[in-house]
């Protein structure tokens, strides 16, 4: 299960890095505006790229489908309940988010390698 969490974190970090690359370097914007309607894709697409469990029971497949649905459905609903229409992420906040993501990813990877020994 840790392998899937690490894969999910890597893909989430890559999606965030790609968004920053396009918005800050290519377009030259000072900030990123993320609409709450597209927030489900930010959480759902990385979850889609992680392969479901191999040779698992039917209940595991149903759990995967429910989790996938919730990844696309819940984030926009939670944010819209606070009446937020969009998020603005500046370069400084983006750098901090990337740093925190990299630290979490390194921590998870380090502990998983440490537990194998």
N, C-alpha and C. Protein backbone atom coordinates (compact mmCIF):
# COMPACT_ATOMS: atom_id res chain seq x y z
N UNK A 1 0.82 -1.19 0.00
CA UNK A 1 0.00 0.00 0.00
C UNK A 1 0.87 1.26 0.00
N UNK A 2 2.02 1.21 0.67
CA UNK A 2 2.90 2.38 0.69
C UNK A 2 3.39 2.72 -0.70
N UNK A 3 3.57 1.68 -1.52
CA UNK A 3 4.03 1.91 -2.89
C UNK A 3 3.04 2.77 -3.66
N UNK A 4 1.74 2.53 -3.45
CA UNK A 4 0.72 3.30 -4.13
C UNK A 4 0.66 4.73 -3.61
N UNK A 5 0.88 4.91 -2.32
CA UNK A 5 0.89 6.26 -1.75
C UNK A 5 2.06 7.06 -2.30
N UNK A 6 3.23 6.42 -2.40
CA UNK A 6 4.40 7.09 -2.96
C UNK A 6 4.16 7.45 -4.42
N UNK A 7 3.59 6.52 -5.19
CA UNK A 7 3.28 6.81 -6.59
C UNK A 7 2.30 7.98 -6.70
N UNK A 8 1.30 8.00 -5.84
CA UNK A 8 0.31 9.07 -5.86
C UNK A 8 0.95 10.41 -5.53
N UNK A 9 1.85 10.43 -4.55
CA UNK A 9 2.55 11.67 -4.19
C UNK A 9 3.46 12.15 -5.32
N UNK A 10 4.14 11.22 -5.97
CA UNK A 10 5.02 11.60 -7.08
C UNK A 10 4.21 12.21 -8.22
N UNK A 11 3.12 11.57 -8.57
CA UNK A 11 2.31 12.07 -9.69
C UNK A 11 1.66 13.40 -9.34
N UNK A 12 1.19 13.55 -8.09
CA UNK A 12 0.62 14.82 -7.65
C UNK A 12 1.66 15.92 -7.72
N UNK A 13 2.88 15.62 -7.30
CA UNK A 13 3.97 16.61 -7.37
C UNK A 13 4.31 16.97 -8.81
N UNK A 14 4.31 15.98 -9.68
CA UNK A 14 4.60 16.24 -11.09
C UNK A 14 3.52 17.09 -11.74
N UNK A 15 2.26 16.83 -11.40
CA UNK A 15 1.17 17.66 -11.95
C UNK A 15 1.31 19.09 -11.46
N UNK A 16 1.61 19.26 -10.18
CA UNK A 16 1.80 20.61 -9.63
C UNK A 16 3.01 21.30 -10.26
N UNK A 17 4.09 20.55 -10.48
CA UNK A 17 5.28 21.11 -11.12
C UNK A 17 4.98 21.51 -12.56
N UNK A 18 4.22 20.70 -13.27
CA UNK A 18 3.87 21.01 -14.66
C UNK A 18 3.01 22.27 -14.74
N UNK A 19 2.04 22.40 -13.82
CA UNK A 19 1.20 23.60 -13.79
C UNK A 19 2.06 24.83 -13.55
N UNK A 20 2.99 24.75 -12.60
CA UNK A 20 3.87 25.88 -12.32
C UNK A 20 4.77 26.22 -13.48
N UNK A 21 5.29 25.20 -14.15
CA UNK A 21 6.16 25.42 -15.31
C UNK A 21 5.41 26.18 -16.40
N UNK A 22 4.21 25.75 -16.69
CA UNK A 22 3.44 26.40 -17.76
C UNK A 22 3.04 27.81 -17.37
N UNK A 23 2.50 27.98 -16.16
CA UNK A 23 1.97 29.29 -15.76
C UNK A 23 3.07 30.31 -15.49
N UNK A 24 4.12 29.91 -14.79
CA UNK A 24 5.13 30.89 -14.39
C UNK A 24 6.20 31.11 -15.46
N UNK A 25 6.71 30.04 -16.03
CA UNK A 25 7.81 30.19 -16.99
C UNK A 25 7.34 30.47 -18.41
N UNK A 26 6.39 29.70 -18.89
CA UNK A 26 5.97 29.86 -20.28
C UNK A 26 5.03 31.05 -20.49
N UNK A 27 4.04 31.19 -19.62
CA UNK A 27 3.08 32.29 -19.76
C UNK A 27 3.55 33.57 -19.09
N UNK A 28 4.44 33.45 -18.12
CA UNK A 28 4.97 34.62 -17.42
C UNK A 28 4.00 35.24 -16.43
N UNK A 29 3.05 34.47 -15.94
CA UNK A 29 2.09 35.00 -14.97
C UNK A 29 2.73 35.16 -13.59
N UNK A 30 2.21 36.09 -12.81
CA UNK A 30 2.70 36.30 -11.44
C UNK A 30 2.02 35.35 -10.45
N UNK A 31 0.86 34.83 -10.82
CA UNK A 31 0.14 33.91 -9.94
C UNK A 31 -0.67 32.93 -10.77
N UNK A 32 -1.11 31.86 -10.10
CA UNK A 32 -1.93 30.83 -10.74
C UNK A 32 -3.33 30.95 -10.16
N UNK A 33 -4.33 31.00 -11.03
CA UNK A 33 -5.71 31.00 -10.59
C UNK A 33 -6.29 29.62 -10.86
N UNK A 34 -6.71 28.94 -9.80
CA UNK A 34 -7.30 27.61 -9.93
C UNK A 34 -8.77 27.73 -9.57
N UNK A 35 -9.62 27.42 -10.52
CA UNK A 35 -11.06 27.46 -10.28
C UNK A 35 -11.46 26.25 -9.44
N UNK A 36 -12.45 26.43 -8.60
CA UNK A 36 -12.87 25.31 -7.75
C UNK A 36 -13.55 24.22 -8.55
N UNK A 37 -14.07 24.53 -9.73
CA UNK A 37 -14.69 23.49 -10.54
C UNK A 37 -13.65 22.52 -11.09
N UNK A 38 -12.42 22.97 -11.27
CA UNK A 38 -11.36 22.09 -11.74
C UNK A 38 -10.55 21.44 -10.64
N UNK A 39 -10.95 21.69 -9.40
CA UNK A 39 -10.21 21.16 -8.27
C UNK A 39 -10.30 19.64 -8.18
N UNK A 40 -11.39 19.07 -8.64
CA UNK A 40 -11.53 17.62 -8.63
C UNK A 40 -10.50 16.94 -9.51
N UNK A 41 -10.12 17.59 -10.61
CA UNK A 41 -9.11 17.03 -11.50
C UNK A 41 -7.73 17.01 -10.86
N UNK A 42 -7.47 18.00 -10.00
CA UNK A 42 -6.18 18.05 -9.33
C UNK A 42 -5.99 16.83 -8.43
N UNK A 43 -7.07 16.37 -7.80
CA UNK A 43 -6.99 15.20 -6.94
C UNK A 43 -7.31 13.90 -7.68
N UNK A 44 -8.16 13.96 -8.68
CA UNK A 44 -8.61 12.74 -9.37
C UNK A 44 -7.64 12.19 -10.38
N UNK A 45 -6.98 13.05 -11.14
CA UNK A 45 -6.07 12.58 -12.20
C UNK A 45 -4.87 11.82 -11.64
N UNK A 46 -4.22 12.30 -10.57
CA UNK A 46 -3.14 11.47 -10.01
C UNK A 46 -3.63 10.13 -9.50
N UNK A 47 -4.85 10.10 -8.95
CA UNK A 47 -5.40 8.83 -8.46
C UNK A 47 -5.69 7.89 -9.62
N UNK A 48 -6.08 8.44 -10.77
CA UNK A 48 -6.35 7.61 -11.95
C UNK A 48 -5.08 6.93 -12.47
N UNK A 49 -3.96 7.61 -12.34
CA UNK A 49 -2.73 7.09 -12.92
C UNK A 49 -2.13 5.96 -12.11
N UNK A 50 -2.55 5.81 -10.85
CA UNK A 50 -2.07 4.70 -10.03
C UNK A 50 -2.90 3.48 -10.39
N UNK A 51 -2.23 2.40 -10.73
CA UNK A 51 -2.94 1.20 -11.15
C UNK A 51 -3.68 0.58 -9.97
N UNK A 52 -4.90 0.11 -10.21
CA UNK A 52 -5.62 -0.57 -9.13
C UNK A 52 -4.92 -1.87 -8.74
N UNK A 53 -5.30 -2.37 -7.61
CA UNK A 53 -4.67 -3.57 -7.08
C UNK A 53 -4.86 -4.75 -8.03
N UNK A 54 -3.80 -5.51 -8.25
CA UNK A 54 -3.87 -6.66 -9.15
C UNK A 54 -4.43 -7.86 -8.40
N UNK A 55 -5.22 -8.67 -9.09
CA UNK A 55 -5.78 -9.91 -8.57
C UNK A 55 -6.48 -9.73 -7.23
N UNK A 56 -7.25 -8.69 -7.12
CA UNK A 56 -7.97 -8.42 -5.88
C UNK A 56 -9.42 -8.82 -6.02
N UNK A 57 -10.10 -8.88 -4.91
CA UNK A 57 -11.49 -9.28 -4.88
C UNK A 57 -12.38 -8.19 -5.46
N UNK A 58 -13.63 -8.55 -5.62
CA UNK A 58 -14.59 -7.61 -6.18
C UNK A 58 -14.80 -6.40 -5.25
N UNK A 59 -14.75 -6.64 -3.96
CA UNK A 59 -14.96 -5.54 -3.01
C UNK A 59 -13.84 -4.52 -3.11
N UNK A 60 -12.60 -4.97 -3.38
CA UNK A 60 -11.48 -4.02 -3.57
C UNK A 60 -11.70 -3.16 -4.80
N UNK A 61 -12.22 -3.75 -5.85
CA UNK A 61 -12.48 -2.98 -7.06
C UNK A 61 -13.59 -1.96 -6.84
N UNK A 62 -14.58 -2.33 -6.05
CA UNK A 62 -15.66 -1.40 -5.72
C UNK A 62 -15.12 -0.27 -4.86
N UNK A 63 -14.25 -0.60 -3.90
CA UNK A 63 -13.63 0.43 -3.07
C UNK A 63 -12.82 1.40 -3.92
N UNK A 64 -12.09 0.88 -4.90
CA UNK A 64 -11.30 1.74 -5.79
C UNK A 64 -12.21 2.67 -6.57
N UNK A 65 -13.33 2.15 -7.07
CA UNK A 65 -14.25 2.98 -7.84
C UNK A 65 -14.87 4.07 -6.96
N UNK A 66 -15.22 3.73 -5.73
CA UNK A 66 -15.79 4.72 -4.82
C UNK A 66 -14.76 5.79 -4.47
N UNK A 67 -13.53 5.38 -4.20
CA UNK A 67 -12.47 6.36 -3.91
C UNK A 67 -12.21 7.28 -5.10
N UNK A 68 -12.24 6.72 -6.29
CA UNK A 68 -12.04 7.52 -7.49
C UNK A 68 -13.15 8.55 -7.64
N UNK A 69 -14.37 8.11 -7.42
CA UNK A 69 -15.51 9.03 -7.48
C UNK A 69 -15.37 10.14 -6.45
N UNK A 70 -14.99 9.77 -5.22
CA UNK A 70 -14.86 10.76 -4.17
C UNK A 70 -13.72 11.75 -4.43
N UNK A 71 -12.65 11.29 -5.08
CA UNK A 71 -11.54 12.19 -5.41
C UNK A 71 -11.98 13.27 -6.40
N UNK A 72 -12.89 12.93 -7.30
CA UNK A 72 -13.38 13.91 -8.26
C UNK A 72 -14.52 14.75 -7.69
N UNK A 73 -15.33 14.18 -6.81
CA UNK A 73 -16.55 14.84 -6.36
C UNK A 73 -16.38 15.69 -5.10
N UNK A 74 -15.68 15.16 -4.10
CA UNK A 74 -15.62 15.84 -2.81
C UNK A 74 -14.85 17.16 -2.77
N UNK A 75 -13.65 17.26 -3.35
CA UNK A 75 -12.92 18.54 -3.22
C UNK A 75 -13.69 19.76 -3.72
N UNK A 76 -14.33 19.71 -4.90
CA UNK A 76 -15.10 20.90 -5.30
C UNK A 76 -16.29 21.18 -4.39
N UNK A 77 -16.94 20.12 -3.91
CA UNK A 77 -18.10 20.31 -3.03
C UNK A 77 -17.70 20.91 -1.69
N UNK A 78 -16.60 20.45 -1.14
CA UNK A 78 -16.13 20.98 0.15
C UNK A 78 -15.77 22.45 0.02
N UNK A 79 -15.04 22.78 -1.04
CA UNK A 79 -14.61 24.18 -1.23
C UNK A 79 -15.80 25.07 -1.56
N UNK A 80 -16.75 24.58 -2.35
CA UNK A 80 -17.91 25.42 -2.70
C UNK A 80 -18.82 25.65 -1.50
N UNK A 81 -18.76 24.78 -0.49
CA UNK A 81 -19.56 25.01 0.71
C UNK A 81 -19.06 26.24 1.48
N UNK A 82 -17.79 26.62 1.28
CA UNK A 82 -17.25 27.83 1.88
C UNK A 82 -17.39 29.04 0.96
N UNK A 83 -18.08 28.87 -0.17
CA UNK A 83 -18.34 29.91 -1.16
C UNK A 83 -17.06 30.52 -1.72
N UNK A 84 -16.08 29.68 -1.98
CA UNK A 84 -14.84 30.11 -2.61
C UNK A 84 -14.94 29.76 -4.09
N UNK A 85 -14.70 30.73 -4.95
CA UNK A 85 -14.83 30.49 -6.39
C UNK A 85 -13.52 30.09 -7.04
N UNK A 86 -12.40 30.62 -6.52
CA UNK A 86 -11.11 30.27 -7.10
C UNK A 86 -10.00 30.51 -6.08
N UNK A 87 -8.88 29.82 -6.30
CA UNK A 87 -7.70 29.97 -5.48
C UNK A 87 -6.65 30.74 -6.28
N UNK A 88 -5.93 31.61 -5.61
CA UNK A 88 -4.82 32.30 -6.25
C UNK A 88 -3.53 31.87 -5.54
N UNK A 89 -2.63 31.28 -6.32
CA UNK A 89 -1.37 30.80 -5.78
C UNK A 89 -0.25 31.66 -6.37
N UNK A 90 0.44 32.40 -5.51
CA UNK A 90 1.55 33.23 -5.97
C UNK A 90 2.82 32.37 -6.09
N UNK A 91 3.86 32.96 -6.63
CA UNK A 91 5.13 32.22 -6.80
C UNK A 91 5.70 31.78 -5.46
N UNK A 92 5.61 32.65 -4.45
CA UNK A 92 6.15 32.33 -3.13
C UNK A 92 5.37 31.17 -2.50
N UNK A 93 4.05 31.22 -2.56
CA UNK A 93 3.23 30.14 -2.02
C UNK A 93 3.45 28.85 -2.80
N UNK A 94 3.61 28.97 -4.11
CA UNK A 94 3.88 27.81 -4.95
C UNK A 94 5.20 27.15 -4.56
N UNK A 95 6.22 27.97 -4.33
CA UNK A 95 7.52 27.42 -3.93
C UNK A 95 7.41 26.71 -2.58
N UNK A 96 6.66 27.28 -1.65
CA UNK A 96 6.47 26.63 -0.36
C UNK A 96 5.70 25.33 -0.49
N UNK A 97 4.67 25.30 -1.32
CA UNK A 97 3.91 24.07 -1.54
C UNK A 97 4.78 22.98 -2.15
N UNK A 98 5.60 23.35 -3.11
CA UNK A 98 6.49 22.36 -3.73
C UNK A 98 7.52 21.85 -2.72
N UNK A 99 8.04 22.74 -1.89
CA UNK A 99 9.01 22.34 -0.87
C UNK A 99 8.39 21.38 0.13
N UNK A 100 7.19 21.68 0.59
CA UNK A 100 6.49 20.79 1.53
C UNK A 100 6.21 19.44 0.87
N UNK A 101 5.78 19.46 -0.39
CA UNK A 101 5.52 18.21 -1.11
C UNK A 101 6.77 17.37 -1.26
N UNK A 102 7.88 18.00 -1.57
CA UNK A 102 9.14 17.27 -1.72
C UNK A 102 9.59 16.71 -0.38
N UNK A 103 9.43 17.49 0.69
CA UNK A 103 9.81 16.99 2.02
C UNK A 103 8.95 15.80 2.45
N UNK A 104 7.66 15.86 2.20
CA UNK A 104 6.78 14.74 2.53
C UNK A 104 7.16 13.52 1.70
N UNK A 105 7.41 13.72 0.43
CA UNK A 105 7.79 12.61 -0.44
C UNK A 105 9.11 11.99 0.00
N UNK A 106 10.09 12.83 0.35
CA UNK A 106 11.37 12.30 0.84
C UNK A 106 11.20 11.56 2.16
N UNK A 107 10.35 12.08 3.04
CA UNK A 107 10.11 11.43 4.32
C UNK A 107 9.45 10.07 4.15
N UNK A 108 8.46 9.99 3.28
CA UNK A 108 7.78 8.71 3.03
C UNK A 108 8.74 7.72 2.38
N UNK A 109 9.52 8.18 1.43
CA UNK A 109 10.48 7.31 0.75
C UNK A 109 11.56 6.83 1.72
N UNK A 110 12.06 7.74 2.56
CA UNK A 110 13.10 7.38 3.52
C UNK A 110 12.59 6.35 4.53
N UNK A 111 11.38 6.55 5.04
CA UNK A 111 10.85 5.60 6.02
C UNK A 111 10.52 4.26 5.40
N UNK A 112 10.11 4.25 4.14
CA UNK A 112 9.81 2.97 3.50
C UNK A 112 11.11 2.19 3.22
N UNK A 113 12.18 2.89 2.85
CA UNK A 113 13.47 2.21 2.65
C UNK A 113 14.05 1.75 3.98
N UNK A 114 13.83 2.54 5.01
CA UNK A 114 14.36 2.20 6.33
C UNK A 114 13.65 0.97 6.90
N UNK A 115 12.34 0.85 6.64
CA UNK A 115 11.59 -0.30 7.14
C UNK A 115 11.93 -1.59 6.41
N UNK A 116 12.44 -1.49 5.19
CA UNK A 116 12.80 -2.69 4.42
C UNK A 116 14.06 -3.34 4.97
N UNK A 117 14.93 -2.55 5.59
CA UNK A 117 16.20 -3.09 6.09
C UNK A 117 16.04 -3.88 7.33
